[in-house]
Amino acid sequence: MVRPTMEDVALRAGVSRALVSLVMRGSPKVSEMRRSAVLKAAEELGYSPHAMARSLASRTSTVLGVMVSDLHNAFFAEVVDGIDEVARDQGFDIIINTGGRSPARERRALESLLSFRPAGLILLSPVVPATAIGKAAEQLPIVLVARSSRVSTVDTVNDDGEQGARLAIDHLVSLGHQRIAHLDGGEGTQAGPRRRGYIAAMEAHGLTPQVVSSEYTDAAGARAIRSLIESDSLPTAVLSCNDFNAVGAISALEDAGLCVPQDVSVVGYDNTSLAALRHISLTTIDQPRAEFGRLAASALLQRVREDRTEPVRHLLNPSLVVRNTTAPPGGLR
């Protein structure tokens, strides 16, 4: 089916294309009679103006761009829910793309979003260099989620990763664990604060930290566990860098004939919908994902409407959610 055009609407309404354009942009220069005729013709034809074309014509935009780091991670879907809620309420649409956790791909994804001339951008856990973000921020407002920034024109929304890691370690120590490894997020955003919080909490309890290089994926979690088993250095408990990583760790433990939590306790990070599934029931650190999205969208729209020029640095408190993947170590049961 051929999509109706502005010319089709003009022909049906008996007016010029220029007048249809004025109506679609909400111009006050059109009489009520002609406005009604154009809107009636548009409804009969099923015509709706293309958001990008409308923004180019009016030099304003009702589109927000969102770049997602990893489409496989439920964390980002739940953040986008919050973004979409605020955007729709304020009359904005969102367009989404991804850079697949690759700096080079993210740079191209960022350029692609900019080509749509959105009102602003929200970047979810981006790994693109800070210089690229700063350059983009010279063109339009930007909010980062799950990444910090010192650029005064860029707003941020994060959780306190150090506190979250401490909550996890305090929980495991309270169960009697002393050998606790951290499968970290490598070079990923927010991996540093979680790693620092883990090390500080272990040292505060008089325990020796065991940081294992990993990434924010299930495959990386599984690889890290296999390396611990092969090196005969498997601990009694593991703090994964996120829920996705924790699920991979659990899978590798079970493949090796070990039981969670009877042999090894596992804690995730994020509290995504994945963690709450009954057959996973993952103990994890909760980040308010939808609230991240709502705060990010609200901050961005404040910038878009020039209601604020000073930077906003939202830092939310995480919390511990205890489910079925943690228990006292075998010798203490």
C-alpha atoms as a PDB file:
ATOM      1  CA  MET A   1       0.000   0.000   0.000  1.00  0.00           C
ATOM      2  CA  VAL A   2       1.357   3.433  -1.038  1.00  0.00           C
ATOM      3  CA  ARG A   3       1.674   5.846   1.857  1.00  0.00           C
ATOM      4  CA  PRO A   4      -0.311   9.077   1.253  1.00  0.00           C
ATOM      5  CA  THR A   5       1.723  12.241   0.821  1.00  0.00           C
ATOM      6  CA  MET A   6       1.224  15.905   1.636  1.00  0.00           C
ATOM      7  CA  GLU A   7       0.379  16.471  -2.023  1.00  0.00           C
ATOM      8  CA  ASP A   8      -2.438  13.908  -1.768  1.00  0.00           C
ATOM      9  CA  VAL A   9      -3.873  15.743   1.237  1.00  0.00           C
ATOM     10  CA  ALA A  10      -3.662  19.081  -0.595  1.00  0.00           C
ATOM     11  CA  LEU A  11      -5.479  17.640  -3.620  1.00  0.00           C
ATOM     12  CA  ARG A  12      -8.240  16.114  -1.464  1.00  0.00           C
ATOM     13  CA  ALA A  13      -8.720  19.327   0.539  1.00  0.00           C
ATOM     14  CA  GLY A  14      -8.495  21.610  -2.511  1.00  0.00           C
ATOM     15  CA  VAL A  15      -5.649  23.676  -1.080  1.00  0.00           C
ATOM     16  CA  SER A  16      -1.939  24.154  -1.730  1.00  0.00           C
ATOM     17  CA  ARG A  17       0.798  21.909  -0.382  1.00  0.00           C
ATOM     18  CA  ALA A  18       2.230  24.914   1.463  1.00  0.00           C
ATOM     19  CA  LEU A  19      -1.023  25.371   3.352  1.00  0.00           C
ATOM     20  CA  VAL A  20      -1.086  21.689   4.337  1.00  0.00           C
ATOM     21  CA  SER A  21       2.449  22.120   5.675  1.00  0.00           C
ATOM     22  CA  LEU A  22       1.323  25.100   7.772  1.00  0.00           C
ATOM     23  CA  VAL A  23      -1.540  23.077   9.247  1.00  0.00           C
ATOM     24  CA  MET A  24       0.694  20.133  10.099  1.00  0.00           C
ATOM     25  CA  ARG A  25       3.104  22.468  11.877  1.00  0.00           C
ATOM     26  CA  GLY A  26       0.286  23.988  13.915  1.00  0.00           C
ATOM     27  CA  SER A  27       0.703  27.452  12.411  1.00  0.00           C
ATOM     28  CA  PRO A  28      -1.793  30.078  13.677  1.00  0.00           C
ATOM     29  CA  LYS A  29      -1.826  31.710  10.233  1.00  0.00           C
ATOM     30  CA  VAL A  30      -4.460  29.284   8.864  1.00  0.00           C
ATOM     31  CA  SER A  31      -8.208  29.930   9.098  1.00  0.00           C
ATOM     32  CA  GLU A  32     -10.271  27.451  11.100  1.00  0.00           C
ATOM     33  CA  MET A  33     -12.280  26.488   8.007  1.00  0.00           C
ATOM     34  CA  ARG A  34      -9.201  25.568   5.975  1.00  0.00           C
ATOM     35  CA  ARG A  35      -7.563  23.874   8.950  1.00  0.00           C
ATOM     36  CA  SER A  36     -10.613  21.654   9.416  1.00  0.00           C
ATOM     37  CA  ALA A  37     -10.672  20.802   5.698  1.00  0.00           C
ATOM     38  CA  VAL A  38      -7.012  19.775   5.729  1.00  0.00           C
ATOM     39  CA  LEU A  39      -7.340  17.699   8.906  1.00  0.00           C
ATOM     40  CA  LYS A  40     -10.436  15.975   7.536  1.00  0.00           C
ATOM     41  CA  ALA A  41      -8.639  15.115   4.277  1.00  0.00           C
ATOM     42  CA  ALA A  42      -5.624  13.833   6.206  1.00  0.00           C
ATOM     43  CA  GLU A  43      -7.826  11.601   8.353  1.00  0.00           C
ATOM     44  CA  GLU A  44      -9.687  10.207   5.339  1.00  0.00           C
ATOM     45  CA  LEU A  45      -6.406   9.373   3.590  1.00  0.00           C
ATOM     46  CA  GLY A  46      -4.691   8.048   6.719  1.00  0.00           C
ATOM     47  CA  TYR A  47      -1.917  10.623   6.385  1.00  0.00           C
ATOM     48  CA  SER A  48       0.446  11.472   9.233  1.00  0.00           C
ATOM     49  CA  PRO A  49       3.465  13.763   8.828  1.00  0.00           C
ATOM     50  CA  HIS A  50       6.903  12.201   8.962  1.00  0.00           C
ATOM     51  CA  ALA A  51       8.524  13.268  12.221  1.00  0.00           C
ATOM     52  CA  MET A  52      11.903  14.029  10.649  1.00  0.00           C
ATOM     53  CA  ALA A  53      10.381  15.962   7.750  1.00  0.00           C
ATOM     54  CA  ARG A  54       8.215  17.921  10.184  1.00  0.00           C
ATOM     55  CA  SER A  55      11.233  18.838  12.301  1.00  0.00           C
ATOM     56  CA  LEU A  56      13.201  19.949   9.246  1.00  0.00           C
ATOM     57  CA  ALA A  57      10.332  22.128   8.074  1.00  0.00           C
ATOM     58  CA  SER A  58       9.672  23.745  11.434  1.00  0.00           C
ATOM     59  CA  ARG A  59      13.296  23.776  12.660  1.00  0.00           C
ATOM     60  CA  THR A  60      12.080  22.132  15.838  1.00  0.00           C
ATOM     61  CA  SER A  61      11.983  18.445  16.711  1.00  0.00           C
ATOM     62  CA  THR A  62       9.712  16.247  18.771  1.00  0.00           C
ATOM     63  CA  VAL A  63      12.074  13.284  18.493  1.00  0.00           C
ATOM     64  CA  LEU A  64      14.529  12.076  21.140  1.00  0.00           C
ATOM     65  CA  GLY A  65      17.358   9.753  20.117  1.00  0.00           C
ATOM     66  CA  VAL A  66      18.328   6.833  22.364  1.00  0.00           C
ATOM     67  CA  MET A  67      21.484   4.757  21.905  1.00  0.00           C
ATOM     68  CA  VAL A  68      21.469   1.409  23.707  1.00  0.00           C
ATOM     69  CA  SER A  69      24.742  -0.300  24.551  1.00  0.00           C
ATOM     70  CA  ASP A  70      23.514  -3.909  24.327  1.00  0.00           C
ATOM     71  CA  LEU A  71      20.165  -5.047  22.933  1.00  0.00           C
ATOM     72  CA  HIS A  72      20.591  -8.448  24.620  1.00  0.00           C
ATOM     73  CA  ASN A  73      20.530  -6.995  28.138  1.00  0.00           C
ATOM     74  CA  ALA A  74      17.084  -6.548  29.717  1.00  0.00           C
ATOM     75  CA  PHE A  75      18.441  -3.681  31.835  1.00  0.00           C
ATOM     76  CA  PHE A  76      18.333  -1.350  28.852  1.00  0.00           C
ATOM     77  CA  ALA A  77      14.806  -2.329  27.807  1.00  0.00           C
ATOM     78  CA  GLU A  78      13.575  -1.402  31.268  1.00  0.00           C
ATOM     79  CA  VAL A  79      15.396   1.956  31.170  1.00  0.00           C
ATOM     80  CA  VAL A  80      13.857   2.678  27.756  1.00  0.00           C
ATOM     81  CA  ASP A  81      10.391   2.005  29.244  1.00  0.00           C
ATOM     82  CA  GLY A  82      10.962   4.916  31.620  1.00  0.00           C
ATOM     83  CA  ILE A  83      12.270   7.161  28.831  1.00  0.00           C
ATOM     84  CA  ASP A  84       9.297   6.376  26.622  1.00  0.00           C
ATOM     85  CA  GLU A  85       6.822   7.042  29.441  1.00  0.00           C
ATOM     86  CA  VAL A  86       8.057  10.607  29.949  1.00  0.00           C
ATOM     87  CA  ALA A  87       8.622  11.284  26.242  1.00  0.00           C
ATOM     88  CA  ARG A  88       5.090  10.266  25.243  1.00  0.00           C
ATOM     89  CA  ASP A  89       3.601  12.267  28.102  1.00  0.00           C
ATOM     90  CA  GLN A  90       5.415  15.355  26.816  1.00  0.00           C
ATOM     91  CA  GLY A  91       4.529  14.803  23.152  1.00  0.00           C
ATOM     92  CA  PHE A  92       7.873  13.386  22.013  1.00  0.00           C
ATOM     93  CA  ASP A  93       8.708  10.232  20.078  1.00  0.00           C
ATOM     94  CA  ILE A  94      11.903   8.207  20.499  1.00  0.00           C
ATOM     95  CA  ILE A  95      14.148   6.535  17.960  1.00  0.00           C
ATOM     96  CA  ILE A  96      16.532   3.806  19.126  1.00  0.00           C
ATOM     97  CA  ASN A  97      19.742   2.301  17.801  1.00  0.00           C
ATOM     98  CA  THR A  98      22.686   0.398  19.244  1.00  0.00           C
ATOM     99  CA  GLY A  99      26.452   0.313  19.057  1.00  0.00           C
ATOM    100  CA  GLY A 100      26.764  -3.282  20.283  1.00  0.00           C
ATOM    101  CA  ARG A 101      29.283  -2.402  23.047  1.00  0.00           C
ATOM    102  CA  SER A 102      31.861  -1.446  20.387  1.00  0.00           C
ATOM    103  CA  PRO A 103      33.419   2.056  20.491  1.00  0.00           C
ATOM    104  CA  ALA A 104      33.706   2.167  16.691  1.00  0.00           C
ATOM    105  CA  ARG A 105      30.130   1.002  16.139  1.00  0.00           C
ATOM    106  CA  GLU A 106      28.846   3.385  18.792  1.00  0.00           C
ATOM    107  CA  ARG A 107      30.558   6.301  17.069  1.00  0.00           C
ATOM    108  CA  ARG A 108      28.738   5.408  13.842  1.00  0.00           C
ATOM    109  CA  ALA A 109      25.470   4.904  15.744  1.00  0.00           C
ATOM    110  CA  LEU A 110      25.879   8.337  17.327  1.00  0.00           C
ATOM    111  CA  GLU A 111      26.441   9.931  13.919  1.00  0.00           C
ATOM    112  CA  SER A 112      23.370   8.134  12.599  1.00  0.00           C
ATOM    113  CA  LEU A 113      21.187   9.476  15.405  1.00  0.00           C
ATOM    114  CA  LEU A 114      22.501  12.994  14.836  1.00  0.00           C
ATOM    115  CA  SER A 115      21.503  12.761  11.167  1.00  0.00           C
ATOM    116  CA  PHE A 116      17.856  12.543  12.263  1.00  0.00           C
ATOM    117  CA  ARG A 117      18.221  15.952  13.919  1.00  0.00           C
ATOM    118  CA  PRO A 118      16.603  14.947  17.217  1.00  0.00           C
ATOM    119  CA  ALA A 119      15.882  17.447  19.968  1.00  0.00           C
ATOM    120  CA  GLY A 120      18.383  15.609  22.196  1.00  0.00           C
ATOM    121  CA  LEU A 121      20.097  12.296  22.894  1.00  0.00           C
ATOM    122  CA  ILE A 122      20.104   9.794  25.750  1.00  0.00           C
ATOM    123  CA  LEU A 123      23.055   7.393  25.691  1.00  0.00           C
ATOM    124  CA  LEU A 124      22.691   4.230  27.756  1.00  0.00           C
ATOM    125  CA  SER A 125      25.996   2.947  29.148  1.00  0.00           C
ATOM    126  CA  PRO A 126      27.994   4.168  26.129  1.00  0.00           C
ATOM    127  CA  VAL A 127      31.591   3.062  25.561  1.00  0.00           C
ATOM    128  CA  VAL A 128      32.235   5.632  22.841  1.00  0.00           C
ATOM    129  CA  PRO A 129      35.147   7.973  23.737  1.00  0.00           C
ATOM    130  CA  ALA A 130      34.358  10.999  25.891  1.00  0.00           C
ATOM    131  CA  THR A 131      35.639  13.293  23.124  1.00  0.00           C
ATOM    132  CA  ALA A 132      32.901  12.050  20.780  1.00  0.00           C
ATOM    133  CA  ILE A 133      30.257  12.664  23.439  1.00  0.00           C
ATOM    134  CA  GLY A 134      31.617  16.147  24.117  1.00  0.00           C
ATOM    135  CA  LYS A 135      31.595  16.997  20.411  1.00  0.00           C
ATOM    136  CA  ALA A 136      27.999  15.807  20.037  1.00  0.00           C
ATOM    137  CA  ALA A 137      27.011  17.844  23.122  1.00  0.00           C
ATOM    138  CA  GLU A 138      28.088  20.972  21.253  1.00  0.00           C
ATOM    139  CA  GLN A 139      25.224  20.330  18.828  1.00  0.00           C
ATOM    140  CA  LEU A 140      22.369  19.290  21.112  1.00  0.00           C
ATOM    141  CA  PRO A 141      21.554  18.279  24.733  1.00  0.00           C
ATOM    142  CA  ILE A 142      22.829  14.878  25.904  1.00  0.00           C
ATOM    143  CA  VAL A 143      22.106  12.758  28.975  1.00  0.00           C
ATOM    144  CA  LEU A 144      24.210   9.726  29.928  1.00  0.00           C
ATOM    145  CA  VAL A 145      22.769   6.784  31.834  1.00  0.00           C
ATOM    146  CA  ALA A 146      25.171   4.424  33.651  1.00  0.00           C
ATOM    147  CA  ARG A 147      28.190   6.526  32.756  1.00  0.00           C
ATOM    148  CA  SER A 148      29.777   9.533  34.407  1.00  0.00           C
ATOM    149  CA  SER A 149      30.849  12.767  32.723  1.00  0.00           C
ATOM    150  CA  ARG A 150      32.628  15.959  33.694  1.00  0.00           C
ATOM    151  CA  VAL A 151      31.261  17.915  30.727  1.00  0.00           C
ATOM    152  CA  SER A 152      29.046  20.705  32.061  1.00  0.00           C
ATOM    153  CA  THR A 153      26.622  20.443  29.139  1.00  0.00           C
ATOM    154  CA  VAL A 154      26.048  16.710  29.700  1.00  0.00           C
ATOM    155  CA  ASP A 155      23.691  15.412  32.421  1.00  0.00           C
ATOM    156  CA  THR A 156      24.093  11.977  34.033  1.00  0.00           C
ATOM    157  CA  VAL A 157      21.986   9.354  35.807  1.00  0.00           C
ATOM    158  CA  ASN A 158      23.802   6.621  37.752  1.00  0.00           C
ATOM    159  CA  ASP A 159      23.510   4.391  40.769  1.00  0.00           C
ATOM    160  CA  ASP A 160      26.102   4.311  43.549  1.00  0.00           C
ATOM    161  CA  GLY A 161      28.051   1.287  42.312  1.00  0.00           C
ATOM    162  CA  GLU A 162      30.436   1.265  45.238  1.00  0.00           C
ATOM    163  CA  GLN A 163      27.559   1.089  47.694  1.00  0.00           C
ATOM    164  CA  GLY A 164      25.883  -1.644  45.648  1.00  0.00           C
ATOM    165  CA  ALA A 165      28.974  -3.842  45.717  1.00  0.00           C
ATOM    166  CA  ARG A 166      29.338  -3.296  49.459  1.00  0.00           C
ATOM    167  CA  LEU A 167      25.739  -4.415  50.010  1.00  0.00           C
ATOM    168  CA  ALA A 168      26.452  -7.644  48.119  1.00  0.00           C
ATOM    169  CA  ILE A 169      29.656  -8.415  50.038  1.00  0.00           C
ATOM    170  CA  ASP A 170      28.075  -7.590  53.413  1.00  0.00           C
ATOM    171  CA  HIS A 171      25.261 -10.036  52.595  1.00  0.00           C
ATOM    172  CA  LEU A 172      27.640 -12.825  51.595  1.00  0.00           C
ATOM    173  CA  VAL A 173      29.866 -12.288  54.633  1.00  0.00           C
ATOM    174  CA  SER A 174      26.809 -12.364  56.901  1.00  0.00           C
ATOM    175  CA  LEU A 175      26.106 -15.851  55.507  1.00  0.00           C
ATOM    176  CA  GLY A 176      29.625 -16.962  56.447  1.00  0.00           C
ATOM    177  CA  HIS A 177      31.472 -16.640  53.129  1.00  0.00           C
ATOM    178  CA  GLN A 178      35.108 -15.586  53.173  1.00  0.00           C
ATOM    179  CA  ARG A 179      36.334 -16.591  49.714  1.00  0.00           C
ATOM    180  CA  ILE A 180      34.325 -14.294  47.461  1.00  0.00           C
ATOM    181  CA  ALA A 181      35.330 -13.490  43.883  1.00  0.00           C
ATOM    182  CA  HIS A 182      34.170 -10.558  41.766  1.00  0.00           C
ATOM    183  CA  LEU A 183      33.598 -11.179  38.053  1.00  0.00           C
ATOM    184  CA  ASP A 184      34.132  -7.583  36.993  1.00  0.00           C
ATOM    185  CA  GLY A 185      32.887  -5.594  34.012  1.00  0.00           C
ATOM    186  CA  GLY A 186      36.318  -5.038  32.494  1.00  0.00           C
ATOM    187  CA  GLU A 187      36.401  -1.727  30.633  1.00  0.00           C
ATOM    188  CA  GLY A 188      32.611  -1.398  30.717  1.00  0.00           C
ATOM    189  CA  THR A 189      30.951   1.684  32.142  1.00  0.00           C
ATOM    190  CA  GLN A 190      30.384   1.599  35.909  1.00  0.00           C
ATOM    191  CA  ALA A 191      32.686  -1.423  36.256  1.00  0.00           C
ATOM    192  CA  GLY A 192      35.163   0.743  38.144  1.00  0.00           C
ATOM    193  CA  PRO A 193      32.871   1.840  40.988  1.00  0.00           C
ATOM    194  CA  ARG A 194      31.586  -1.709  41.511  1.00  0.00           C
ATOM    195  CA  ARG A 195      35.135  -3.073  41.539  1.00  0.00           C
ATOM    196  CA  ARG A 196      36.255  -0.411  44.020  1.00  0.00           C
ATOM    197  CA  GLY A 197      33.268  -1.089  46.246  1.00  0.00           C
ATOM    198  CA  TYR A 198      33.975  -4.826  46.190  1.00  0.00           C
ATOM    199  CA  ILE A 199      37.650  -4.388  47.099  1.00  0.00           C
ATOM    200  CA  ALA A 200      36.877  -1.883  49.861  1.00  0.00           C
ATOM    201  CA  ALA A 201      34.198  -4.140  51.365  1.00  0.00           C
ATOM    202  CA  MET A 202      36.426  -7.221  51.287  1.00  0.00           C
ATOM    203  CA  GLU A 203      39.275  -5.358  52.956  1.00  0.00           C
ATOM    204  CA  ALA A 204      36.894  -3.894  55.546  1.00  0.00           C
ATOM    205  CA  HIS A 205      35.972  -7.467  56.503  1.00  0.00           C
ATOM    206  CA  GLY A 206      39.644  -8.498  56.626  1.00  0.00           C
ATOM    207  CA  LEU A 207      39.274 -10.662  53.502  1.00  0.00           C
ATOM    208  CA  THR A 208      41.463 -10.978  50.417  1.00  0.00           C
ATOM    209  CA  PRO A 209      39.871  -9.643  47.204  1.00  0.00           C
ATOM    210  CA  GLN A 210      39.795 -11.909  44.148  1.00  0.00           C
ATOM    211  CA  VAL A 211      38.969  -9.870  41.029  1.00  0.00           C
ATOM    212  CA  VAL A 212      38.431 -11.918  37.889  1.00  0.00           C
ATOM    213  CA  SER A 213      38.477 -10.101  34.552  1.00  0.00           C
ATOM    214  CA  SER A 214      35.140 -10.446  32.789  1.00  0.00           C
ATOM    215  CA  GLU A 215      32.508  -8.473  30.833  1.00  0.00           C
ATOM    216  CA  TYR A 216      28.806  -7.611  30.984  1.00  0.00           C
ATOM    217  CA  THR A 217      27.687 -10.729  29.077  1.00  0.00           C
ATOM    218  CA  ASP A 218      26.554 -14.251  29.908  1.00  0.00           C
ATOM    219  CA  ALA A 219      29.335 -15.737  27.776  1.00  0.00           C
ATOM    220  CA  ALA A 220      31.945 -13.772  29.736  1.00  0.00           C
ATOM    221  CA  GLY A 221      30.470 -14.927  33.045  1.00  0.00           C
ATOM    222  CA  ALA A 222      30.681 -18.537  31.921  1.00  0.00           C
ATOM    223  CA  ARG A 223      34.293 -18.115  30.740  1.00  0.00           C
ATOM    224  CA  ALA A 224      35.298 -16.586  34.069  1.00  0.00           C
ATOM    225  CA  ILE A 225      33.840 -19.487  36.030  1.00  0.00           C
ATOM    226  CA  ARG A 226      35.539 -22.057  33.794  1.00  0.00           C
ATOM    227  CA  SER A 227      38.868 -20.292  34.328  1.00  0.00           C
ATOM    228  CA  LEU A 228      38.375 -20.426  38.109  1.00  0.00           C
ATOM    229  CA  ILE A 229      37.542 -24.132  37.976  1.00  0.00           C
ATOM    230  CA  GLU A 230      40.496 -24.929  35.712  1.00  0.00           C
ATOM    231  CA  SER A 231      42.907 -23.039  37.985  1.00  0.00           C
ATOM    232  CA  ASP A 232      41.493 -24.734  41.089  1.00  0.00           C
ATOM    233  CA  SER A 233      40.670 -21.322  42.595  1.00  0.00           C
ATOM    234  CA  LEU A 234      36.879 -21.474  42.703  1.00  0.00           C
ATOM    235  CA  PRO A 235      35.527 -19.464  45.685  1.00  0.00           C
ATOM    236  CA  THR A 236      32.425 -20.233  47.740  1.00  0.00           C
ATOM    237  CA  ALA A 237      30.647 -17.129  46.441  1.00  0.00           C
ATOM    238  CA  VAL A 238      30.691 -14.875  43.387  1.00  0.00           C
ATOM    239  CA  LEU A 239      29.594 -11.276  42.818  1.00  0.00           C
ATOM    240  CA  SER A 240      28.945 -10.805  39.119  1.00  0.00           C
ATOM    241  CA  CYS A 241      29.155  -7.430  37.397  1.00  0.00           C
ATOM    242  CA  ASN A 242      25.523  -7.707  36.241  1.00  0.00           C
ATOM    243  CA  ASP A 243      22.607 -10.149  36.070  1.00  0.00           C
ATOM    244  CA  PHE A 244      23.466 -11.269  32.546  1.00  0.00           C
ATOM    245  CA  ASN A 245      26.989 -12.188  33.644  1.00  0.00           C
ATOM    246  CA  ALA A 246      25.587 -13.989  36.713  1.00  0.00           C
ATOM    247  CA  VAL A 247      23.311 -16.164  34.572  1.00  0.00           C
ATOM    248  CA  GLY A 248      26.322 -17.230  32.497  1.00  0.00           C
ATOM    249  CA  ALA A 249      28.242 -17.982  35.698  1.00  0.00           C
ATOM    250  CA  ILE A 250      25.396 -20.136  37.034  1.00  0.00           C
ATOM    251  CA  SER A 251      25.182 -22.021  33.741  1.00  0.00           C
ATOM    252  CA  ALA A 252      28.920 -22.808  33.804  1.00  0.00           C
ATOM    253  CA  LEU A 253      28.753 -23.944  37.429  1.00  0.00           C
ATOM    254  CA  GLU A 254      25.884 -26.290  36.654  1.00  0.00           C
ATOM    255  CA  ASP A 255      27.678 -27.610  33.561  1.00  0.00           C
ATOM    256  CA  ALA A 256      30.572 -28.503  35.871  1.00  0.00           C
ATOM    257  CA  GLY A 257      28.247 -30.487  38.114  1.00  0.00           C
ATOM    258  CA  LEU A 258      28.086 -27.864  40.869  1.00  0.00           C
ATOM    259  CA  CYS A 259      24.924 -26.618  42.549  1.00  0.00           C
ATOM    260  CA  VAL A 260      23.894 -23.009  43.209  1.00  0.00           C
ATOM    261  CA  PRO A 261      23.767 -22.040  46.045  1.00  0.00           C
ATOM    262  CA  GLN A 262      24.755 -25.311  47.762  1.00  0.00           C
ATOM    263  CA  ASP A 263      28.285 -25.296  46.316  1.00  0.00           C
ATOM    264  CA  VAL A 264      28.688 -21.693  45.183  1.00  0.00           C
ATOM    265  CA  SER A 265      26.515 -18.654  45.946  1.00  0.00           C
ATOM    266  CA  VAL A 266      26.002 -16.110  43.150  1.00  0.00           C
ATOM    267  CA  VAL A 267      24.931 -12.459  43.332  1.00  0.00           C
ATOM    268  CA  GLY A 268      24.042 -10.406  40.265  1.00  0.00           C
ATOM    269  CA  TYR A 269      23.683  -6.675  39.720  1.00  0.00           C
ATOM    270  CA  ASP A 270      20.740  -4.710  38.184  1.00  0.00           C
ATOM    271  CA  ASN A 271      17.677  -6.743  39.301  1.00  0.00           C
ATOM    272  CA  THR A 272      16.372  -7.055  35.752  1.00  0.00           C
ATOM    273  CA  SER A 273      13.254  -9.051  34.897  1.00  0.00           C
ATOM    274  CA  LEU A 274      15.625 -11.936  34.132  1.00  0.00           C
ATOM    275  CA  ALA A 275      16.678 -12.132  37.790  1.00  0.00           C
ATOM    276  CA  ALA A 276      13.094 -12.497  38.995  1.00  0.00           C
ATOM    277  CA  LEU A 277      12.254 -15.483  36.788  1.00  0.00           C
ATOM    278  CA  ARG A 278      11.249 -18.365  39.074  1.00  0.00           C
ATOM    279  CA  HIS A 279      13.757 -20.868  37.703  1.00  0.00           C
ATOM    280  CA  ILE A 280      16.603 -18.327  38.114  1.00  0.00           C
ATOM    281  CA  SER A 281      15.514 -16.446  41.258  1.00  0.00           C
ATOM    282  CA  LEU A 282      18.788 -14.519  41.408  1.00  0.00           C
ATOM    283  CA  THR A 283      19.942 -12.637  44.488  1.00  0.00           C
ATOM    284  CA  THR A 284      20.999  -9.287  43.069  1.00  0.00           C
ATOM    285  CA  ILE A 285      21.532  -5.572  43.579  1.00  0.00           C
ATOM    286  CA  ASP A 286      18.555  -3.523  42.462  1.00  0.00           C
ATOM    287  CA  GLN A 287      18.933  -0.464  40.279  1.00  0.00           C
ATOM    288  CA  PRO A 288      15.642   1.407  39.645  1.00  0.00           C
ATOM    289  CA  ARG A 289      15.812   0.969  35.866  1.00  0.00           C
ATOM    290  CA  ALA A 290      12.545   2.683  34.884  1.00  0.00           C
ATOM    291  CA  GLU A 291      13.342   5.568  37.233  1.00  0.00           C
ATOM    292  CA  PHE A 292      16.711   5.930  35.492  1.00  0.00           C
ATOM    293  CA  GLY A 293      14.801   6.366  32.232  1.00  0.00           C
ATOM    294  CA  ARG A 294      12.280   8.815  33.659  1.00  0.00           C
ATOM    295  CA  LEU A 295      15.001  10.962  35.232  1.00  0.00           C
ATOM    296  CA  ALA A 296      17.063  10.912  32.031  1.00  0.00           C
ATOM    297  CA  ALA A 297      14.129  11.945  29.835  1.00  0.00           C
ATOM    298  CA  SER A 298      13.047  14.664  32.269  1.00  0.00           C
ATOM    299  CA  ALA A 299      16.594  16.064  32.448  1.00  0.00           C
ATOM    300  CA  LEU A 300      16.889  16.036  28.667  1.00  0.00           C
ATOM    301  CA  LEU A 301      13.584  17.839  28.130  1.00  0.00           C
ATOM    302  CA  GLN A 302      14.616  20.512  30.638  1.00  0.00           C
ATOM    303  CA  ARG A 303      17.665  21.135  28.469  1.00  0.00           C
ATOM    304  CA  VAL A 304      15.644  21.022  25.242  1.00  0.00           C
ATOM    305  CA  ARG A 305      13.240  23.655  26.588  1.00  0.00           C
ATOM    306  CA  GLU A 306      16.122  25.671  28.021  1.00  0.00           C
ATOM    307  CA  ASP A 307      14.621  25.475  31.512  1.00  0.00           C
ATOM    308  CA  ARG A 308      18.072  24.761  32.933  1.00  0.00           C
ATOM    309  CA  THR A 309      21.723  25.213  31.960  1.00  0.00           C
ATOM    310  CA  GLU A 310      23.618  23.835  34.976  1.00  0.00           C
ATOM    311  CA  PRO A 311      24.510  20.102  34.907  1.00  0.00           C
ATOM    312  CA  VAL A 312      22.440  17.513  36.786  1.00  0.00           C
ATOM    313  CA  ARG A 313      24.174  14.518  38.384  1.00  0.00           C
ATOM    314  CA  HIS A 314      21.552  12.034  39.586  1.00  0.00           C
ATOM    315  CA  LEU A 315      23.056   9.339  41.854  1.00  0.00           C
ATOM    316  CA  LEU A 316      20.503   6.770  43.018  1.00  0.00           C
ATOM    317  CA  ASN A 317      20.901   4.387  45.932  1.00  0.00           C
ATOM    318  CA  PRO A 318      20.886   0.659  45.065  1.00  0.00           C
ATOM    319  CA  SER A 319      19.360  -1.995  47.310  1.00  0.00           C
ATOM    320  CA  LEU A 320      19.845  -5.715  47.956  1.00  0.00           C
ATOM    321  CA  VAL A 321      17.215  -8.192  46.743  1.00  0.00           C
ATOM    322  CA  VAL A 322      17.690 -11.634  48.308  1.00  0.00           C
ATOM    323  CA  ARG A 323      16.372 -14.620  46.378  1.00  0.00           C
ATOM    324  CA  ASN A 324      17.508 -18.235  45.990  1.00  0.00           C
ATOM    325  CA  THR A 325      21.093 -18.108  44.677  1.00  0.00           C
ATOM    326  CA  THR A 326      22.769 -17.288  47.990  1.00  0.00           C
ATOM    327  CA  ALA A 327      23.120 -19.449  51.121  1.00  0.00           C
ATOM    328  CA  PRO A 328      25.748 -20.208  53.786  1.00  0.00           C
ATOM    329  CA  PRO A 329      28.817 -22.059  52.446  1.00  0.00           C
ATOM    330  CA  GLY A 330      28.531 -25.840  52.542  1.00  0.00           C
ATOM    331  CA  GLY A 331      30.689 -26.295  55.633  1.00  0.00           C
ATOM    332  CA  LEU A 332      28.438 -24.042  57.726  1.00  0.00           C
ATOM    333  CA  ARG A 333      25.095 -25.641  56.869  1.00  0.00           C
END
